[in-house]
Amino acid sequence: MSFTRACATDDVPVDEGLAVTVGEYEIVVARCGDDFYALQNLCSHAAVELSEGEVSGCAIECWLHGSTFDLRTGKPTTFPATEPVATFAVEVRDAAVYVDTTTTLNGVTPT
């Protein structure tokens, strides 16, 4: 695995995602409690930025049509989205979030 610094942990707002670029990918970093997650920052239904939506519990909501995605798996939990978004491995160290974009955790190919 090859981790790249994405942001400081304090940069990730509560109940919101943070859009970052890691390598060639636009990613949304979000937190659920003390855990941080990284997903492709693009809704699989409408191709809009997930970072513009709200985070509640361990899900992020697409602001356009209301689909929600599980931060842990990238799977949609509400319609109209039916396809998951790519999820990436995260490490937290020295008050920073590091993301590995060399492979996805859920096997979804990022676009």
C-alpha atoms as a PDB file:
ATOM      1  CA  MET A   1       0.000   0.000   0.000  1.00  0.00           C
ATOM      2  CA  SER A   2       1.095   3.502  -0.763  1.00  0.00           C
ATOM      3  CA  PHE A   3      -0.480   6.162   1.430  1.00  0.00           C
ATOM      4  CA  THR A   4      -0.521   9.853   0.529  1.00  0.00           C
ATOM      5  CA  ARG A   5      -1.406  12.652   2.922  1.00  0.00           C
ATOM      6  CA  ALA A   6      -4.888  13.917   2.079  1.00  0.00           C
ATOM      7  CA  CYS A   7      -5.604  16.430   4.858  1.00  0.00           C
ATOM      8  CA  ALA A   8      -5.348  17.181   8.550  1.00  0.00           C
ATOM      9  CA  THR A   9      -7.902  15.443  10.749  1.00  0.00           C
ATOM     10  CA  ASP A  10      -9.074  18.866  11.985  1.00  0.00           C
ATOM     11  CA  ASP A  11      -9.829  19.885   8.374  1.00  0.00           C
ATOM     12  CA  VAL A  12     -12.683  17.364   8.126  1.00  0.00           C
ATOM     13  CA  PRO A  13     -15.840  19.093   9.352  1.00  0.00           C
ATOM     14  CA  VAL A  14     -18.428  17.296  11.453  1.00  0.00           C
ATOM     15  CA  ASP A  15     -21.499  16.314   9.380  1.00  0.00           C
ATOM     16  CA  GLU A  16     -19.813  17.263   6.085  1.00  0.00           C
ATOM     17  CA  GLY A  17     -17.327  15.746   3.694  1.00  0.00           C
ATOM     18  CA  LEU A  18     -14.076  17.346   2.616  1.00  0.00           C
ATOM     19  CA  ALA A  19     -13.138  17.293  -1.073  1.00  0.00           C
ATOM     20  CA  VAL A  20      -9.446  16.554  -1.693  1.00  0.00           C
ATOM     21  CA  THR A  21      -7.336  15.476  -4.620  1.00  0.00           C
ATOM     22  CA  VAL A  22      -5.115  12.473  -3.996  1.00  0.00           C
ATOM     23  CA  GLY A  23      -3.039  11.448  -6.970  1.00  0.00           C
ATOM     24  CA  GLU A  24      -5.358  11.443  -9.962  1.00  0.00           C
ATOM     25  CA  TYR A  25      -8.584  11.078  -7.971  1.00  0.00           C
ATOM     26  CA  GLU A  26     -11.089  13.486  -6.489  1.00  0.00           C
ATOM     27  CA  ILE A  27     -11.960  12.037  -3.092  1.00  0.00           C
ATOM     28  CA  VAL A  28     -14.306  12.936  -0.280  1.00  0.00           C
ATOM     29  CA  VAL A  29     -12.937  12.387   3.220  1.00  0.00           C
ATOM     30  CA  ALA A  30     -15.572  12.041   5.933  1.00  0.00           C
ATOM     31  CA  ARG A  31     -15.743  10.809   9.481  1.00  0.00           C
ATOM     32  CA  CYS A  32     -18.047   8.630  11.495  1.00  0.00           C
ATOM     33  CA  GLY A  33     -17.246   9.072  15.175  1.00  0.00           C
ATOM     34  CA  ASP A  34     -13.476   8.765  15.472  1.00  0.00           C
ATOM     35  CA  ASP A  35     -13.069   6.878  12.175  1.00  0.00           C
ATOM     36  CA  PHE A  36     -12.215   8.482   8.832  1.00  0.00           C
ATOM     37  CA  TYR A  37     -13.259   7.226   5.395  1.00  0.00           C
ATOM     38  CA  ALA A  38     -12.338   8.064   1.811  1.00  0.00           C
ATOM     39  CA  LEU A  39     -14.682   7.606  -1.141  1.00  0.00           C
ATOM     40  CA  GLN A  40     -14.702   8.701  -4.734  1.00  0.00           C
ATOM     41  CA  ASN A  41     -16.184  12.196  -4.720  1.00  0.00           C
ATOM     42  CA  LEU A  42     -18.711  11.430  -7.437  1.00  0.00           C
ATOM     43  CA  CYS A  43     -22.237  10.093  -7.009  1.00  0.00           C
ATOM     44  CA  SER A  44     -22.747   6.938  -9.066  1.00  0.00           C
ATOM     45  CA  HIS A  45     -26.251   8.068 -10.013  1.00  0.00           C
ATOM     46  CA  ALA A  46     -25.904  11.685 -11.091  1.00  0.00           C
ATOM     47  CA  ALA A  47     -22.141  12.347 -11.322  1.00  0.00           C
ATOM     48  CA  VAL A  48     -22.193  15.238  -8.834  1.00  0.00           C
ATOM     49  CA  GLU A  49     -19.803  15.812  -5.939  1.00  0.00           C
ATOM     50  CA  LEU A  50     -20.676  13.873  -2.801  1.00  0.00           C
ATOM     51  CA  SER A  51     -18.630  16.349  -0.759  1.00  0.00           C
ATOM     52  CA  GLU A  52     -21.456  18.855  -1.244  1.00  0.00           C
ATOM     53  CA  GLY A  53     -23.833  16.602   0.717  1.00  0.00           C
ATOM     54  CA  GLU A  54     -24.353  16.031   4.411  1.00  0.00           C
ATOM     55  CA  VAL A  55     -22.800  13.276   6.514  1.00  0.00           C
ATOM     56  CA  SER A  56     -25.055  11.597   9.044  1.00  0.00           C
ATOM     57  CA  GLY A  57     -23.972   8.572  11.008  1.00  0.00           C
ATOM     58  CA  CYS A  58     -21.818   6.505   8.673  1.00  0.00           C
ATOM     59  CA  ALA A  59     -23.458   7.712   5.459  1.00  0.00           C
ATOM     60  CA  ILE A  60     -23.057  10.602   3.054  1.00  0.00           C
ATOM     61  CA  GLU A  61     -25.991  12.003   1.116  1.00  0.00           C
ATOM     62  CA  CYS A  62     -25.855  13.205  -2.470  1.00  0.00           C
ATOM     63  CA  TRP A  63     -27.267  16.726  -2.464  1.00  0.00           C
ATOM     64  CA  LEU A  64     -28.954  16.429  -5.861  1.00  0.00           C
ATOM     65  CA  HIS A  65     -31.339  13.471  -5.570  1.00  0.00           C
ATOM     66  CA  GLY A  66     -30.881  12.335  -1.977  1.00  0.00           C
ATOM     67  CA  SER A  67     -29.104   9.016  -2.498  1.00  0.00           C
ATOM     68  CA  THR A  68     -27.032   8.002   0.503  1.00  0.00           C
ATOM     69  CA  PHE A  69     -23.847   5.940   0.488  1.00  0.00           C
ATOM     70  CA  ASP A  70     -22.349   3.944   3.357  1.00  0.00           C
ATOM     71  CA  LEU A  71     -18.962   5.482   4.184  1.00  0.00           C
ATOM     72  CA  ARG A  72     -17.542   2.067   5.066  1.00  0.00           C
ATOM     73  CA  THR A  73     -18.538   0.187   1.915  1.00  0.00           C
ATOM     74  CA  GLY A  74     -19.464   2.777  -0.711  1.00  0.00           C
ATOM     75  CA  LYS A  75     -22.771   0.965  -1.251  1.00  0.00           C
ATOM     76  CA  PRO A  76     -25.894   3.040  -1.809  1.00  0.00           C
ATOM     77  CA  THR A  77     -28.371   2.748   1.039  1.00  0.00           C
ATOM     78  CA  THR A  78     -31.200   4.726  -0.608  1.00  0.00           C
ATOM     79  CA  PHE A  79     -32.424   5.268  -4.142  1.00  0.00           C
ATOM     80  CA  PRO A  80     -32.122   6.488  -6.801  1.00  0.00           C
ATOM     81  CA  ALA A  81     -28.457   5.326  -6.788  1.00  0.00           C
ATOM     82  CA  THR A  82     -28.024   1.587  -7.302  1.00  0.00           C
ATOM     83  CA  GLU A  83     -24.260   1.339  -7.926  1.00  0.00           C
ATOM     84  CA  PRO A  84     -21.563   1.740  -5.244  1.00  0.00           C
ATOM     85  CA  VAL A  85     -18.787   4.331  -5.310  1.00  0.00           C
ATOM     86  CA  ALA A  86     -15.119   3.439  -4.893  1.00  0.00           C
ATOM     87  CA  THR A  87     -13.732   3.358  -1.350  1.00  0.00           C
ATOM     88  CA  PHE A  88     -10.079   3.721  -0.416  1.00  0.00           C
ATOM     89  CA  ALA A  89      -7.931   2.592   2.509  1.00  0.00           C
ATOM     90  CA  VAL A  90      -7.289   5.254   5.145  1.00  0.00           C
ATOM     91  CA  GLU A  91      -4.649   5.625   7.842  1.00  0.00           C
ATOM     92  CA  VAL A  92      -4.684   8.307  10.504  1.00  0.00           C
ATOM     93  CA  ARG A  93      -1.359   9.306  11.969  1.00  0.00           C
ATOM     94  CA  ASP A  94       0.167  12.454  13.400  1.00  0.00           C
ATOM     95  CA  ALA A  95      -3.236  14.228  13.222  1.00  0.00           C
ATOM     96  CA  ALA A  96      -3.448  13.690   9.461  1.00  0.00           C
ATOM     97  CA  VAL A  97      -5.516  11.502   7.133  1.00  0.00           C
ATOM     98  CA  TYR A  98      -3.585   9.408   4.600  1.00  0.00           C
ATOM     99  CA  VAL A  99      -5.283   7.663   1.675  1.00  0.00           C
ATOM    100  CA  ASP A 100      -4.108   4.818  -0.559  1.00  0.00           C
ATOM    101  CA  THR A 101      -5.498   5.236  -4.087  1.00  0.00           C
ATOM    102  CA  THR A 102      -3.519   2.389  -5.648  1.00  0.00           C
ATOM    103  CA  THR A 103      -6.450   0.023  -5.111  1.00  0.00           C
ATOM    104  CA  THR A 104     -10.018   0.244  -3.885  1.00  0.00           C
ATOM    105  CA  LEU A 105     -11.331  -1.584  -0.839  1.00  0.00           C
ATOM    106  CA  ASN A 106     -14.597  -2.594  -2.494  1.00  0.00           C
ATOM    107  CA  GLY A 107     -13.303  -3.442  -5.974  1.00  0.00           C
ATOM    108  CA  VAL A 108     -15.136  -0.554  -7.656  1.00  0.00           C
ATOM    109  CA  THR A 109     -13.064   1.140 -10.350  1.00  0.00           C
ATOM    110  CA  PRO A 110     -13.004   4.908  -9.801  1.00  0.00           C
ATOM    111  CA  THR A 111     -13.894   7.107 -12.749  1.00  0.00           C
END
